[in-house]
Amino acid sequence: MTIIGLHHVQIACPAGSEDLLRHFYGVVCGMAEIPKPPVLAARGGVWFAAGDQQLHCGVEEGFLPALKAHPCLATDNVDGLAAAIAGVGAVVLWDNSIPGVRRFHTTDPVGNRVEFQQVPSRKADFYV
């Protein structure tokens, strides 16, 4: 038995926030929306493709945004993404604490912390 990867990460969201999340993750971040299976679509929320993985935004009663726990989404243009996110009024906080890793944190429209990280040119460069 071997774990071979990560299928999806789920973050919580309040009921009725799907359009805000579609705009942020879909339009601003350029992620493709994935149709939810009908039995799950009735619960609300929205799913997005993140390469071969997925980001699921699931409705949670009594929602509170995640301020520490967060997904880290890899991008091939971290500077362009930071500009797009800042362009919609979100705060972009650059983090240089890992030498050689270009990354920043922000919050999505419902207040969840999200990290975006530049894809390294070579896998061996991921951690310096």
C-alpha atoms as a PDB file:
ATOM      1  CA  MET A   1       0.000   0.000   0.000  1.00  0.00           C
ATOM      2  CA  THR A   2       1.430   3.367  -1.077  1.00  0.00           C
ATOM      3  CA  ILE A   3       0.028   6.873  -1.153  1.00  0.00           C
ATOM      4  CA  ILE A   4       0.743   8.081  -4.679  1.00  0.00           C
ATOM      5  CA  GLY A   5      -0.425  11.671  -4.520  1.00  0.00           C
ATOM      6  CA  LEU A   6      -3.010  14.166  -3.462  1.00  0.00           C
ATOM      7  CA  HIS A   7      -6.412  14.126  -5.190  1.00  0.00           C
ATOM      8  CA  HIS A   8      -7.941  17.260  -3.689  1.00  0.00           C
ATOM      9  CA  VAL A   9      -7.872  19.720  -0.846  1.00  0.00           C
ATOM     10  CA  GLN A  10     -11.140  20.994   0.597  1.00  0.00           C
ATOM     11  CA  ILE A  11     -11.573  24.435   2.096  1.00  0.00           C
ATOM     12  CA  ALA A  12     -14.748  25.623   3.774  1.00  0.00           C
ATOM     13  CA  CYS A  13     -17.003  28.424   2.604  1.00  0.00           C
ATOM     14  CA  PRO A  14     -20.290  29.971   3.684  1.00  0.00           C
ATOM     15  CA  ALA A  15     -23.536  29.165   1.877  1.00  0.00           C
ATOM     16  CA  GLY A  16     -24.147  31.492  -1.052  1.00  0.00           C
ATOM     17  CA  SER A  17     -20.477  32.371  -1.658  1.00  0.00           C
ATOM     18  CA  GLU A  18     -20.075  30.275  -4.811  1.00  0.00           C
ATOM     19  CA  ASP A  19     -20.110  33.234  -7.229  1.00  0.00           C
ATOM     20  CA  LEU A  20     -17.461  35.096  -5.202  1.00  0.00           C
ATOM     21  CA  LEU A  21     -15.286  31.983  -5.243  1.00  0.00           C
ATOM     22  CA  ARG A  22     -15.901  31.421  -8.959  1.00  0.00           C
ATOM     23  CA  HIS A  23     -14.674  34.934  -9.660  1.00  0.00           C
ATOM     24  CA  PHE A  24     -11.592  34.668  -7.437  1.00  0.00           C
ATOM     25  CA  TYR A  25     -10.427  31.140  -8.246  1.00  0.00           C
ATOM     26  CA  GLY A  26     -11.905  30.912 -11.746  1.00  0.00           C
ATOM     27  CA  VAL A  27     -11.479  34.389 -13.243  1.00  0.00           C
ATOM     28  CA  VAL A  28      -8.667  35.995 -11.229  1.00  0.00           C
ATOM     29  CA  CYS A  29      -6.580  32.843 -10.675  1.00  0.00           C
ATOM     30  CA  GLY A  30      -7.506  31.174 -13.986  1.00  0.00           C
ATOM     31  CA  MET A  31      -8.594  27.832 -12.515  1.00  0.00           C
ATOM     32  CA  ALA A  32     -11.148  25.768 -14.449  1.00  0.00           C
ATOM     33  CA  GLU A  33     -14.347  24.931 -12.612  1.00  0.00           C
ATOM     34  CA  ILE A  34     -15.121  21.227 -12.306  1.00  0.00           C
ATOM     35  CA  PRO A  35     -18.796  20.217 -12.342  1.00  0.00           C
ATOM     36  CA  LYS A  36     -19.781  18.569  -9.078  1.00  0.00           C
ATOM     37  CA  PRO A  37     -21.652  15.254  -9.214  1.00  0.00           C
ATOM     38  CA  PRO A  38     -25.403  16.023  -8.977  1.00  0.00           C
ATOM     39  CA  VAL A  39     -25.813  14.392  -5.563  1.00  0.00           C
ATOM     40  CA  LEU A  40     -23.044  16.649  -4.187  1.00  0.00           C
ATOM     41  CA  ALA A  41     -24.040  19.777  -6.140  1.00  0.00           C
ATOM     42  CA  ALA A  42     -27.214  19.959  -4.068  1.00  0.00           C
ATOM     43  CA  ARG A  43     -25.033  20.714  -1.030  1.00  0.00           C
ATOM     44  CA  GLY A  44     -23.634  23.892  -2.589  1.00  0.00           C
ATOM     45  CA  GLY A  45     -19.979  24.777  -2.959  1.00  0.00           C
ATOM     46  CA  VAL A  46     -17.782  24.762  -6.040  1.00  0.00           C
ATOM     47  CA  TRP A  47     -14.788  22.727  -7.276  1.00  0.00           C
ATOM     48  CA  PHE A  48     -11.761  23.798  -9.344  1.00  0.00           C
ATOM     49  CA  ALA A  49      -8.958  22.034 -11.209  1.00  0.00           C
ATOM     50  CA  ALA A  50      -5.421  22.649  -9.954  1.00  0.00           C
ATOM     51  CA  GLY A  51      -3.340  20.763 -12.496  1.00  0.00           C
ATOM     52  CA  ASP A  52      -3.993  17.071 -11.847  1.00  0.00           C
ATOM     53  CA  GLN A  53      -5.370  17.896  -8.408  1.00  0.00           C
ATOM     54  CA  GLN A  54      -8.513  19.689  -7.299  1.00  0.00           C
ATOM     55  CA  LEU A  55      -9.550  22.426  -4.907  1.00  0.00           C
ATOM     56  CA  HIS A  56     -12.988  21.839  -3.385  1.00  0.00           C
ATOM     57  CA  CYS A  57     -14.811  24.726  -1.711  1.00  0.00           C
ATOM     58  CA  GLY A  58     -17.431  23.108   0.501  1.00  0.00           C
ATOM     59  CA  VAL A  59     -20.291  24.832   2.309  1.00  0.00           C
ATOM     60  CA  GLU A  60     -19.915  24.627   6.076  1.00  0.00           C
ATOM     61  CA  GLU A  61     -22.643  25.640   8.503  1.00  0.00           C
ATOM     62  CA  GLY A  62     -21.228  28.100  11.029  1.00  0.00           C
ATOM     63  CA  PHE A  63     -18.338  28.856   8.635  1.00  0.00           C
ATOM     64  CA  LEU A  64     -15.209  30.466  10.037  1.00  0.00           C
ATOM     65  CA  PRO A  65     -12.335  31.205   7.635  1.00  0.00           C
ATOM     66  CA  ALA A  66      -9.089  29.246   7.975  1.00  0.00           C
ATOM     67  CA  LEU A  67      -6.460  31.739   9.100  1.00  0.00           C
ATOM     68  CA  LYS A  68      -3.483  29.364   9.498  1.00  0.00           C
ATOM     69  CA  ALA A  69      -4.292  26.127   7.631  1.00  0.00           C
ATOM     70  CA  HIS A  70      -4.204  26.733   3.879  1.00  0.00           C
ATOM     71  CA  PRO A  71      -3.715  25.197   0.453  1.00  0.00           C
ATOM     72  CA  CYS A  72      -0.579  26.108  -1.459  1.00  0.00           C
ATOM     73  CA  LEU A  73      -1.287  26.406  -5.169  1.00  0.00           C
ATOM     74  CA  ALA A  74       1.597  26.177  -7.646  1.00  0.00           C
ATOM     75  CA  THR A  75       1.773  28.643 -10.533  1.00  0.00           C
ATOM     76  CA  ASP A  76       4.055  29.203 -13.500  1.00  0.00           C
ATOM     77  CA  ASN A  77       3.802  33.006 -13.071  1.00  0.00           C
ATOM     78  CA  VAL A  78       3.716  34.002  -9.417  1.00  0.00           C
ATOM     79  CA  ASP A  79       4.368  37.676 -10.197  1.00  0.00           C
ATOM     80  CA  GLY A  80       1.527  37.889 -12.713  1.00  0.00           C
ATOM     81  CA  LEU A  81      -0.830  36.122 -10.326  1.00  0.00           C
ATOM     82  CA  ALA A  82       0.148  38.448  -7.474  1.00  0.00           C
ATOM     83  CA  ALA A  83      -0.605  41.442  -9.713  1.00  0.00           C
ATOM     84  CA  ALA A  84      -3.996  40.010 -10.704  1.00  0.00           C
ATOM     85  CA  ILE A  85      -4.921  39.327  -7.087  1.00  0.00           C
ATOM     86  CA  ALA A  86      -3.773  42.770  -5.938  1.00  0.00           C
ATOM     87  CA  GLY A  87      -5.745  44.195  -8.861  1.00  0.00           C
ATOM     88  CA  VAL A  88      -9.012  43.022  -7.304  1.00  0.00           C
ATOM     89  CA  GLY A  89      -8.120  44.592  -3.973  1.00  0.00           C
ATOM     90  CA  ALA A  90      -6.796  41.569  -2.101  1.00  0.00           C
ATOM     91  CA  VAL A  91      -3.688  41.965   0.035  1.00  0.00           C
ATOM     92  CA  VAL A  92      -0.595  40.148  -1.276  1.00  0.00           C
ATOM     93  CA  LEU A  93       1.934  39.257   1.423  1.00  0.00           C
ATOM     94  CA  TRP A  94       5.252  38.085  -0.009  1.00  0.00           C
ATOM     95  CA  ASP A  95       7.145  35.532   2.091  1.00  0.00           C
ATOM     96  CA  ASN A  96      10.888  35.122   1.565  1.00  0.00           C
ATOM     97  CA  SER A  97      11.476  32.837   4.554  1.00  0.00           C
ATOM     98  CA  ILE A  98      12.422  29.832   2.373  1.00  0.00           C
ATOM     99  CA  PRO A  99      15.524  30.741   0.354  1.00  0.00           C
ATOM    100  CA  GLY A 100      14.990  30.327  -3.373  1.00  0.00           C
ATOM    101  CA  VAL A 101      11.193  29.905  -3.134  1.00  0.00           C
ATOM    102  CA  ARG A 102       9.018  32.714  -4.557  1.00  0.00           C
ATOM    103  CA  ARG A 103       5.672  32.690  -2.801  1.00  0.00           C
ATOM    104  CA  PHE A 104       2.983  34.876  -1.311  1.00  0.00           C
ATOM    105  CA  HIS A 105      -0.093  34.560   0.865  1.00  0.00           C
ATOM    106  CA  THR A 106      -3.471  36.190   0.482  1.00  0.00           C
ATOM    107  CA  THR A 107      -7.035  35.557   1.511  1.00  0.00           C
ATOM    108  CA  ASP A 108      -9.834  34.434  -0.757  1.00  0.00           C
ATOM    109  CA  PRO A 109     -13.114  36.428  -0.798  1.00  0.00           C
ATOM    110  CA  VAL A 110     -14.483  34.527   2.201  1.00  0.00           C
ATOM    111  CA  GLY A 111     -11.336  35.033   4.302  1.00  0.00           C
ATOM    112  CA  ASN A 112      -9.498  31.717   3.892  1.00  0.00           C
ATOM    113  CA  ARG A 113      -5.712  31.935   3.789  1.00  0.00           C
ATOM    114  CA  VAL A 114      -4.230  30.792   0.460  1.00  0.00           C
ATOM    115  CA  GLU A 115      -0.578  30.459  -0.561  1.00  0.00           C
ATOM    116  CA  PHE A 116       0.666  30.702  -4.151  1.00  0.00           C
ATOM    117  CA  GLN A 117       4.116  29.458  -5.065  1.00  0.00           C
ATOM    118  CA  GLN A 118       6.203  29.700  -8.226  1.00  0.00           C
ATOM    119  CA  VAL A 119       6.745  26.319  -9.880  1.00  0.00           C
ATOM    120  CA  PRO A 120      10.486  25.611  -9.870  1.00  0.00           C
ATOM    121  CA  SER A 121      12.308  25.212 -13.140  1.00  0.00           C
ATOM    122  CA  ARG A 122      13.446  21.761 -11.975  1.00  0.00           C
ATOM    123  CA  LYS A 123      11.930  19.517  -9.315  1.00  0.00           C
ATOM    124  CA  ALA A 124      15.301  19.430  -7.551  1.00  0.00           C
ATOM    125  CA  ASP A 125      15.057  23.224  -7.133  1.00  0.00           C
ATOM    126  CA  PHE A 126      11.836  23.024  -5.139  1.00  0.00           C
ATOM    127  CA  TYR A 127      13.637  23.126  -1.786  1.00  0.00           C
ATOM    128  CA  VAL A 128      16.987  24.823  -1.690  1.00  0.00           C
END
